[in-house]
């Protein structure tokens, strides 16, 4: 009877998904407001040696910039995505969104 209860408890624990402590993707940018000649730095952490896709979306939701990078052996990354240009029809004033996609984790974050 005791072994049945223990096996039942073990079975329940096997059904519960366990999060990998290193599986979280975290991103930040160096500032929230940019002007011409400022750099847009994207940095954060992922899995060691992980391939990441960085995309910058313009206010009209078109992709302004696209890069693919690999995290460092410790999982960190720091990448200059863009040297901010003067406003134009291609890069108008407005709210831009940085998106980082993980090819290993099948996850993405927006900042």
C-alpha atoms as a PDB file:
ATOM      1  CA  UNK A   1       0.000   0.000   0.000  1.00  0.00           C
ATOM      2  CA  UNK A   2       2.812   2.407   0.930  1.00  0.00           C
ATOM      3  CA  UNK A   3       4.653   1.674  -2.292  1.00  0.00           C
ATOM      4  CA  UNK A   4       1.466   2.358  -4.296  1.00  0.00           C
ATOM      5  CA  UNK A   5       1.101   5.765  -2.610  1.00  0.00           C
ATOM      6  CA  UNK A   6       4.777   6.583  -3.221  1.00  0.00           C
ATOM      7  CA  UNK A   7       4.534   5.531  -6.867  1.00  0.00           C
ATOM      8  CA  UNK A   8       1.386   7.629  -7.274  1.00  0.00           C
ATOM      9  CA  UNK A   9       3.129  10.679  -5.828  1.00  0.00           C
ATOM     10  CA  UNK A  10       6.165  10.082  -8.042  1.00  0.00           C
ATOM     11  CA  UNK A  11       3.904   9.787 -11.086  1.00  0.00           C
ATOM     12  CA  UNK A  12       2.215  13.108 -10.245  1.00  0.00           C
ATOM     13  CA  UNK A  13       5.606  14.823  -9.939  1.00  0.00           C
ATOM     14  CA  UNK A  14       6.626  13.463 -13.336  1.00  0.00           C
ATOM     15  CA  UNK A  15       3.555  15.080 -14.874  1.00  0.00           C
ATOM     16  CA  UNK A  16       4.405  18.541 -13.537  1.00  0.00           C
ATOM     17  CA  UNK A  17       6.560  20.482 -16.036  1.00  0.00           C
ATOM     18  CA  UNK A  18       9.796  21.682 -14.513  1.00  0.00           C
ATOM     19  CA  UNK A  19      11.136  24.998 -15.784  1.00  0.00           C
ATOM     20  CA  UNK A  20      14.790  25.063 -16.767  1.00  0.00           C
ATOM     21  CA  UNK A  21      16.369  27.823 -14.676  1.00  0.00           C
ATOM     22  CA  UNK A  22      18.461  28.905 -17.674  1.00  0.00           C
ATOM     23  CA  UNK A  23      15.624  28.917 -20.180  1.00  0.00           C
ATOM     24  CA  UNK A  24      14.470  32.470 -19.627  1.00  0.00           C
ATOM     25  CA  UNK A  25      15.308  35.042 -22.243  1.00  0.00           C
ATOM     26  CA  UNK A  26      15.827  38.542 -20.849  1.00  0.00           C
ATOM     27  CA  UNK A  27      16.387  41.702 -22.891  1.00  0.00           C
ATOM     28  CA  UNK A  28      16.950  45.400 -22.254  1.00  0.00           C
ATOM     29  CA  UNK A  29      17.918  48.456 -24.268  1.00  0.00           C
ATOM     30  CA  UNK A  30      20.334  51.195 -23.267  1.00  0.00           C
ATOM     31  CA  UNK A  31      17.621  53.892 -23.154  1.00  0.00           C
ATOM     32  CA  UNK A  32      13.964  54.469 -23.992  1.00  0.00           C
ATOM     33  CA  UNK A  33      14.324  57.682 -26.049  1.00  0.00           C
ATOM     34  CA  UNK A  34      16.718  58.049 -28.984  1.00  0.00           C
ATOM     35  CA  UNK A  35      17.853  60.903 -31.180  1.00  0.00           C
ATOM     36  CA  UNK A  36      20.098  60.961 -34.264  1.00  0.00           C
ATOM     37  CA  UNK A  37      23.609  59.558 -33.759  1.00  0.00           C
ATOM     38  CA  UNK A  38      22.652  57.633 -30.582  1.00  0.00           C
ATOM     39  CA  UNK A  39      23.246  53.891 -30.629  1.00  0.00           C
ATOM     40  CA  UNK A  40      20.513  51.380 -29.922  1.00  0.00           C
ATOM     41  CA  UNK A  41      22.181  48.733 -27.739  1.00  0.00           C
ATOM     42  CA  UNK A  42      20.264  45.528 -27.015  1.00  0.00           C
ATOM     43  CA  UNK A  43      21.606  43.387 -24.200  1.00  0.00           C
ATOM     44  CA  UNK A  44      20.492  40.584 -21.944  1.00  0.00           C
ATOM     45  CA  UNK A  45      20.777  36.876 -21.233  1.00  0.00           C
ATOM     46  CA  UNK A  46      19.734  33.633 -22.845  1.00  0.00           C
ATOM     47  CA  UNK A  47      21.147  30.144 -23.070  1.00  0.00           C
ATOM     48  CA  UNK A  48      24.930  29.785 -23.552  1.00  0.00           C
ATOM     49  CA  UNK A  49      25.800  29.874 -27.263  1.00  0.00           C
ATOM     50  CA  UNK A  50      22.167  30.460 -28.211  1.00  0.00           C
ATOM     51  CA  UNK A  51      21.249  31.871 -31.632  1.00  0.00           C
ATOM     52  CA  UNK A  52      19.064  34.971 -31.359  1.00  0.00           C
ATOM     53  CA  UNK A  53      17.253  37.001 -33.984  1.00  0.00           C
ATOM     54  CA  UNK A  54      16.908  40.722 -33.238  1.00  0.00           C
ATOM     55  CA  UNK A  55      14.325  42.773 -35.103  1.00  0.00           C
ATOM     56  CA  UNK A  56      13.471  46.463 -34.885  1.00  0.00           C
ATOM     57  CA  UNK A  57       9.923  47.360 -35.898  1.00  0.00           C
ATOM     58  CA  UNK A  58       9.013  50.877 -37.069  1.00  0.00           C
ATOM     59  CA  UNK A  59       5.794  52.658 -36.035  1.00  0.00           C
ATOM     60  CA  UNK A  60       4.045  51.205 -39.125  1.00  0.00           C
ATOM     61  CA  UNK A  61       5.121  47.682 -37.965  1.00  0.00           C
ATOM     62  CA  UNK A  62       7.576  47.189 -40.830  1.00  0.00           C
ATOM     63  CA  UNK A  63      10.998  45.731 -39.996  1.00  0.00           C
ATOM     64  CA  UNK A  64      13.563  48.546 -39.920  1.00  0.00           C
ATOM     65  CA  UNK A  65      16.565  46.438 -38.865  1.00  0.00           C
ATOM     66  CA  UNK A  66      17.249  42.699 -38.593  1.00  0.00           C
ATOM     67  CA  UNK A  67      20.323  40.953 -37.120  1.00  0.00           C
ATOM     68  CA  UNK A  68      21.203  37.446 -35.998  1.00  0.00           C
ATOM     69  CA  UNK A  69      23.667  36.981 -33.137  1.00  0.00           C
ATOM     70  CA  UNK A  70      24.925  34.265 -30.809  1.00  0.00           C
ATOM     71  CA  UNK A  71      25.082  34.639 -27.024  1.00  0.00           C
ATOM     72  CA  UNK A  72      28.396  34.374 -25.191  1.00  0.00           C
ATOM     73  CA  UNK A  73      29.431  31.132 -23.445  1.00  0.00           C
ATOM     74  CA  UNK A  74      27.864  32.489 -20.224  1.00  0.00           C
ATOM     75  CA  UNK A  75      24.580  33.287 -22.016  1.00  0.00           C
ATOM     76  CA  UNK A  76      24.971  37.083 -22.067  1.00  0.00           C
ATOM     77  CA  UNK A  77      24.813  39.272 -25.147  1.00  0.00           C
ATOM     78  CA  UNK A  78      25.331  42.965 -25.957  1.00  0.00           C
ATOM     79  CA  UNK A  79      24.710  44.081 -29.529  1.00  0.00           C
ATOM     80  CA  UNK A  80      24.618  47.460 -31.255  1.00  0.00           C
ATOM     81  CA  UNK A  81      21.496  47.066 -33.347  1.00  0.00           C
ATOM     82  CA  UNK A  82      21.425  50.529 -34.909  1.00  0.00           C
ATOM     83  CA  UNK A  83      23.104  53.931 -35.027  1.00  0.00           C
ATOM     84  CA  UNK A  84      19.993  56.074 -34.940  1.00  0.00           C
ATOM     85  CA  UNK A  85      19.586  57.989 -38.245  1.00  0.00           C
ATOM     86  CA  UNK A  86      18.006  61.372 -38.874  1.00  0.00           C
ATOM     87  CA  UNK A  87      14.208  61.178 -39.193  1.00  0.00           C
ATOM     88  CA  UNK A  88      13.037  60.420 -42.728  1.00  0.00           C
ATOM     89  CA  UNK A  89      10.241  58.582 -44.493  1.00  0.00           C
ATOM     90  CA  UNK A  90      12.154  55.337 -43.825  1.00  0.00           C
ATOM     91  CA  UNK A  91      12.742  56.106 -40.138  1.00  0.00           C
ATOM     92  CA  UNK A  92      10.006  58.502 -39.000  1.00  0.00           C
ATOM     93  CA  UNK A  93       9.439  59.753 -35.473  1.00  0.00           C
ATOM     94  CA  UNK A  94       7.375  57.336 -33.405  1.00  0.00           C
ATOM     95  CA  UNK A  95       7.437  54.288 -31.181  1.00  0.00           C
ATOM     96  CA  UNK A  96       9.761  51.497 -32.271  1.00  0.00           C
ATOM     97  CA  UNK A  97       9.697  47.952 -30.894  1.00  0.00           C
ATOM     98  CA  UNK A  98      12.704  45.652 -30.406  1.00  0.00           C
ATOM     99  CA  UNK A  99      11.912  41.948 -30.669  1.00  0.00           C
ATOM    100  CA  UNK A 100      14.346  39.159 -29.782  1.00  0.00           C
ATOM    101  CA  UNK A 101      13.562  35.628 -30.933  1.00  0.00           C
ATOM    102  CA  UNK A 102      15.264  32.512 -29.625  1.00  0.00           C
ATOM    103  CA  UNK A 103      15.816  29.697 -32.103  1.00  0.00           C
ATOM    104  CA  UNK A 104      16.504  27.168 -29.313  1.00  0.00           C
ATOM    105  CA  UNK A 105      13.797  28.151 -26.833  1.00  0.00           C
ATOM    106  CA  UNK A 106      11.075  28.864 -29.403  1.00  0.00           C
ATOM    107  CA  UNK A 107      10.408  32.045 -27.428  1.00  0.00           C
ATOM    108  CA  UNK A 108      10.437  35.762 -28.097  1.00  0.00           C
ATOM    109  CA  UNK A 109      10.410  39.023 -26.165  1.00  0.00           C
ATOM    110  CA  UNK A 110       9.496  42.544 -27.144  1.00  0.00           C
ATOM    111  CA  UNK A 111      10.877  45.680 -25.571  1.00  0.00           C
END
